[in-house]
């Protein structure tokens, strides 16, 4: 008796998808060019835009004070060297609030970033599978944008 190699192609099917429409929140908007960045796996409950190394360090200080576990403090300490003063000369960093869902099987993806009325809008798409897991999804997104594109921007709004 011989055993032949075989593969099975599996695909997760999502039965429900939804995404806020930017048109519902503002009439005048334009897409913002961005590059995805590695987010820290905890947040302070707010969407932020950081335009300097001092603002970035203050954000990390706040996270460090909130951290309950050593691994979180280690991650935050390691993140201090992720961005230099030179980085913030031409770039800004946008970090979304922490998003929570009732299952780790739910998929969150960023559709786009938009600028309108002195704010950046982050539009997040949610895809829910037919069956999920009994864990909790916790996710934040981080983006690098040109500082000149957000010079007059003071707020970030995550639409999820």
Protein backbone atom coordinates (compact mmCIF):
# COMPACT_ATOMS: atom_id res chain seq x y z
CA UNK A 1 0.00 0.00 0.00
CA UNK A 2 1.43 3.39 -0.92
CA UNK A 3 0.31 6.77 0.26
CA UNK A 4 0.12 9.51 -2.32
CA UNK A 5 0.68 13.12 -1.43
CA UNK A 6 -2.34 15.33 -1.74
CA UNK A 7 -3.21 18.86 -0.77
CA UNK A 8 -6.45 20.44 0.16
CA UNK A 9 -7.19 24.03 -0.68
CA UNK A 10 -9.10 25.71 2.13
CA UNK A 11 -10.56 29.15 2.07
CA UNK A 12 -12.16 31.10 4.89
CA UNK A 13 -15.52 32.41 3.78
CA UNK A 14 -16.90 35.60 5.17
CA UNK A 15 -20.68 35.85 5.29
CA UNK A 16 -20.92 39.43 6.43
CA UNK A 17 -18.76 42.38 5.43
CA UNK A 18 -19.25 46.00 6.24
CA UNK A 19 -17.32 49.21 5.86
CA UNK A 20 -18.29 52.77 6.71
CA UNK A 21 -18.64 55.09 3.73
CA UNK A 22 -16.58 58.25 4.02
CA UNK A 23 -19.40 60.09 2.20
CA UNK A 24 -21.62 59.57 5.23
CA UNK A 25 -19.21 61.55 7.44
CA UNK A 26 -18.03 64.32 5.15
CA UNK A 27 -18.67 65.68 1.67
CA UNK A 28 -15.26 67.10 0.86
CA UNK A 29 -12.42 64.61 1.26
CA UNK A 30 -9.33 63.39 -0.50
CA UNK A 31 -7.27 60.24 -0.20
CA UNK A 32 -4.12 60.42 1.88
CA UNK A 33 -1.02 58.57 0.74
CA UNK A 34 0.29 56.30 3.49
CA UNK A 35 2.50 53.35 4.27
CA UNK A 36 1.41 50.78 6.82
CA UNK A 37 3.66 50.54 9.85
CA UNK A 38 3.99 48.06 12.72
CA UNK A 39 1.57 48.99 15.51
CA UNK A 40 2.21 48.42 19.18
CA UNK A 41 -0.19 45.77 20.47
CA UNK A 42 -1.77 48.07 23.03
CA UNK A 43 -3.26 51.54 22.85
CA UNK A 44 -4.46 54.38 25.00
CA UNK A 45 -8.04 54.34 23.67
CA UNK A 46 -7.49 57.30 21.36
CA UNK A 47 -6.60 57.86 17.72
CA UNK A 48 -3.41 59.91 17.54
CA UNK A 49 -1.26 61.74 15.05
CA UNK A 50 2.35 62.18 16.12
CA UNK A 51 4.49 64.76 14.34
CA UNK A 52 7.65 64.81 16.46
CA UNK A 53 9.93 62.51 18.41
CA UNK A 54 8.83 64.27 21.62
CA UNK A 55 5.15 63.54 20.85
CA UNK A 56 6.04 59.93 20.06
CA UNK A 57 7.96 59.54 23.33
CA UNK A 58 5.09 61.11 25.30
CA UNK A 59 2.68 58.63 23.68
CA UNK A 60 4.98 55.74 24.64
CA UNK A 61 5.30 57.13 28.19
CA UNK A 62 1.51 57.07 28.50
CA UNK A 63 1.36 53.48 27.22
CA UNK A 64 4.13 52.46 29.61
CA UNK A 65 2.19 53.85 32.57
CA UNK A 66 -0.87 51.87 31.45
CA UNK A 67 1.04 48.62 30.85
CA UNK A 68 0.16 45.83 33.29
CA UNK A 69 2.57 43.15 32.12
CA UNK A 70 6.32 42.97 31.65
CA UNK A 71 6.03 41.89 28.01
CA UNK A 72 4.05 45.07 27.26
CA UNK A 73 6.68 47.24 28.94
CA UNK A 74 9.42 45.45 26.99
CA UNK A 75 7.58 46.03 23.71
CA UNK A 76 7.11 49.72 24.48
CA UNK A 77 10.76 50.14 25.50
CA UNK A 78 11.88 48.46 22.26
CA UNK A 79 9.57 50.75 20.24
CA UNK A 80 11.41 53.87 21.44
CA UNK A 81 14.13 53.31 18.85
CA UNK A 82 11.69 52.64 15.99
CA UNK A 83 11.55 56.28 14.88
CA UNK A 84 14.27 58.91 15.08
CA UNK A 85 14.26 62.71 15.15
CA UNK A 86 15.24 62.58 11.45
CA UNK A 87 12.19 60.41 10.66
CA UNK A 88 9.84 63.06 12.06
CA UNK A 89 11.45 65.84 10.00
CA UNK A 90 9.53 64.64 6.93
CA UNK A 91 7.04 62.11 8.33
CA UNK A 92 4.21 61.83 10.80
CA UNK A 93 2.85 58.71 12.46
CA UNK A 94 -0.86 57.94 12.75
CA UNK A 95 -1.94 55.30 15.27
CA UNK A 96 -5.56 54.22 15.60
CA UNK A 97 -7.36 53.44 18.79
CA UNK A 98 -7.51 49.78 19.75
CA UNK A 99 -10.38 48.05 17.96
CA UNK A 100 -12.12 45.12 19.65
CA UNK A 101 -14.25 42.35 18.18
CA UNK A 102 -15.86 39.31 19.78
CA UNK A 103 -13.88 36.76 17.76
CA UNK A 104 -10.32 36.43 16.52
CA UNK A 105 -11.76 35.02 13.29
CA UNK A 106 -13.06 38.46 12.31
CA UNK A 107 -10.82 40.18 9.79
CA UNK A 108 -10.14 43.92 10.02
CA UNK A 109 -8.43 45.67 7.11
CA UNK A 110 -7.87 49.30 6.26
CA UNK A 111 -9.72 50.45 3.17
CA UNK A 112 -8.15 53.88 2.99
CA UNK A 113 -7.13 57.07 4.76
CA UNK A 114 -8.83 60.34 3.89
CA UNK A 115 -8.27 63.99 4.82
CA UNK A 116 -11.23 66.27 5.45
CA UNK A 117 -11.96 69.26 7.69
CA UNK A 118 -8.56 69.21 9.43
CA UNK A 119 -8.89 65.52 10.32
CA UNK A 120 -7.63 62.20 9.02
CA UNK A 121 -10.30 59.53 8.65
CA UNK A 122 -9.19 55.90 8.79
CA UNK A 123 -11.80 53.65 7.16
CA UNK A 124 -11.70 50.06 8.41
CA UNK A 125 -13.47 47.15 6.71
CA UNK A 126 -14.82 44.29 8.84
CA UNK A 127 -15.30 40.77 7.47
CA UNK A 128 -17.11 38.23 9.66
CA UNK A 129 -16.94 34.48 8.98
CA UNK A 130 -19.84 32.05 9.25
CA UNK A 131 -18.21 30.47 12.30
CA UNK A 132 -15.84 32.18 14.65
CA UNK A 133 -13.61 31.43 17.56
CA UNK A 134 -14.37 32.18 21.19
CA UNK A 135 -11.48 34.58 21.67
CA UNK A 136 -11.30 38.35 21.46
CA UNK A 137 -9.80 40.31 18.56
CA UNK A 138 -7.78 43.34 19.60
CA UNK A 139 -6.15 45.36 16.81
CA UNK A 140 -4.64 48.75 16.19
CA UNK A 141 -3.29 50.17 12.94
CA UNK A 142 -0.28 52.42 12.41
CA UNK A 143 0.61 54.47 9.34
CA UNK A 144 3.45 56.63 8.10
CA UNK A 145 2.37 59.71 6.17
CA UNK A 146 4.20 62.70 4.73
CA UNK A 147 4.33 65.41 7.37
CA UNK A 148 3.57 68.04 4.73
CA UNK A 149 0.28 66.24 3.92
CA UNK A 150 -0.92 66.53 7.52
CA UNK A 151 0.66 69.83 8.57
CA UNK A 152 -2.72 71.35 9.51
CA UNK A 153 -4.24 68.13 10.86
CA UNK A 154 -4.90 67.84 14.57
CA UNK A 155 -7.18 64.84 14.84
CA UNK A 156 -7.68 61.31 13.62
CA UNK A 157 -11.03 59.50 13.43
CA UNK A 158 -11.23 55.75 12.94
CA UNK A 159 -14.42 54.70 11.18
CA UNK A 160 -15.13 51.06 11.89
